[in-house]
């Protein structure tokens, strides 16, 4: 536990850069309970378990991913915006996104 009741959940960065800041940007929850986090400057989507541990790092074509969203109902894909090359990349992840409303 950190001062003020705030708690660290998980660390998504594993390196530093002098060119630009590296850090978490967009995130989305999967039905598998994992948190999918784009890491700007690191070039990946880091997947965190419900306990906060790193499950996987999904490498993007560029080093500047900014956001992530799950596809339509029934799809087991994430869509990732990537700023360095100005594209949207698609990755199969084996789970659907968590439905955030009923």
Protein backbone atom coordinates (compact mmCIF):
# COMPACT_ATOMS: atom_id res chain seq x y z
CA UNK A 1 0.00 0.00 0.00
CA UNK A 2 1.22 3.48 -0.86
CA UNK A 3 0.40 6.71 0.97
CA UNK A 4 -3.15 7.98 0.56
CA UNK A 5 -4.65 4.52 0.01
CA UNK A 6 -3.24 4.19 -3.51
CA UNK A 7 -1.80 0.80 -4.39
CA UNK A 8 0.50 -0.23 -7.25
CA UNK A 9 -1.15 -2.96 -9.32
CA UNK A 10 1.61 -3.95 -11.73
CA UNK A 11 4.64 -2.64 -13.58
CA UNK A 12 4.47 -2.67 -17.39
CA UNK A 13 7.84 -1.07 -18.21
CA UNK A 14 11.10 -2.95 -18.44
CA UNK A 15 13.44 -0.40 -19.98
CA UNK A 16 14.22 3.33 -20.12
CA UNK A 17 14.72 5.69 -23.05
CA UNK A 18 16.46 9.03 -23.36
CA UNK A 19 14.53 9.78 -26.60
CA UNK A 20 11.05 9.98 -25.09
CA UNK A 21 9.16 8.92 -21.98
CA UNK A 22 8.07 5.32 -21.67
CA UNK A 23 4.89 4.44 -19.87
CA UNK A 24 1.40 2.97 -19.89
CA UNK A 25 -1.15 4.68 -22.11
CA UNK A 26 -4.36 2.85 -23.12
CA UNK A 27 -5.83 -0.25 -21.52
CA UNK A 28 -8.67 -2.74 -21.89
CA UNK A 29 -9.93 -5.67 -19.80
CA UNK A 30 -10.31 -9.15 -21.24
CA UNK A 31 -12.90 -11.75 -20.24
CA UNK A 32 -9.91 -13.82 -19.11
CA UNK A 33 -9.42 -11.29 -16.28
CA UNK A 34 -6.21 -9.93 -17.77
CA UNK A 35 -5.51 -6.23 -18.30
CA UNK A 36 -4.11 -5.32 -21.75
CA UNK A 37 -1.96 -2.15 -21.52
CA UNK A 38 -0.31 -0.27 -24.39
CA UNK A 39 3.16 0.90 -23.37
CA UNK A 40 4.11 4.08 -25.25
CA UNK A 41 7.80 4.15 -26.12
CA UNK A 42 8.32 0.45 -25.39
CA UNK A 43 6.57 -0.93 -28.48
CA UNK A 44 4.27 -3.47 -26.91
CA UNK A 45 0.99 -4.31 -25.29
CA UNK A 46 1.82 -5.71 -21.87
CA UNK A 47 -0.71 -8.22 -20.55
CA UNK A 48 -1.11 -8.21 -16.76
CA UNK A 49 -2.76 -11.01 -14.78
CA UNK A 50 -5.50 -10.25 -12.23
CA UNK A 51 -2.71 -10.34 -9.62
CA UNK A 52 -0.63 -7.74 -11.52
CA UNK A 53 2.09 -10.00 -12.92
CA UNK A 54 3.25 -9.82 -16.54
CA UNK A 55 1.66 -12.64 -18.54
CA UNK A 56 2.83 -11.65 -22.02
CA UNK A 57 4.23 -8.79 -24.08
CA UNK A 58 2.67 -8.42 -27.54
CA UNK A 59 5.17 -6.56 -29.71
CA UNK A 60 3.85 -3.82 -32.01
CA UNK A 61 5.43 -2.79 -35.34
CA UNK A 62 6.39 0.62 -33.96
CA UNK A 63 7.49 1.74 -30.53
CA UNK A 64 4.60 4.16 -29.87
CA UNK A 65 1.34 2.25 -29.24
CA UNK A 66 -1.28 4.55 -27.73
CA UNK A 67 -4.55 2.70 -27.23
CA UNK A 68 -6.12 -0.75 -27.27
CA UNK A 69 -9.67 -2.01 -27.72
CA UNK A 70 -11.24 -5.42 -28.10
CA UNK A 71 -13.12 -6.27 -31.29
CA UNK A 72 -16.82 -6.86 -31.73
CA UNK A 73 -18.67 -9.50 -29.73
CA UNK A 74 -17.37 -12.95 -30.61
CA UNK A 75 -13.97 -11.70 -31.79
CA UNK A 76 -10.89 -12.65 -29.83
CA UNK A 77 -8.80 -9.79 -31.14
CA UNK A 78 -7.38 -6.53 -29.89
CA UNK A 79 -7.02 -3.44 -32.05
CA UNK A 80 -4.02 -1.26 -31.20
CA UNK A 81 -3.37 2.29 -32.41
CA UNK A 82 0.31 2.83 -33.15
CA UNK A 83 1.56 6.41 -33.55
CA UNK A 84 5.03 5.87 -35.03
CA UNK A 85 3.69 4.40 -38.29
CA UNK A 86 0.15 5.81 -38.06
CA UNK A 87 -1.67 2.51 -38.25
CA UNK A 88 -4.08 0.28 -36.41
CA UNK A 89 -2.69 -3.20 -35.75
CA UNK A 90 -4.78 -6.29 -34.99
CA UNK A 91 -3.71 -9.20 -32.77
CA UNK A 92 -5.41 -12.51 -31.92
CA UNK A 93 -5.41 -12.88 -28.13
CA UNK A 94 -7.59 -15.92 -27.43
CA UNK A 95 -10.21 -14.08 -25.38
CA UNK A 96 -13.00 -11.59 -25.87
CA UNK A 97 -13.11 -8.22 -24.21
CA UNK A 98 -14.90 -7.85 -20.89
CA UNK A 99 -18.35 -6.43 -21.40
CA UNK A 100 -18.42 -3.16 -19.47
CA UNK A 101 -22.20 -2.74 -19.42
CA UNK A 102 -25.26 -4.94 -19.35
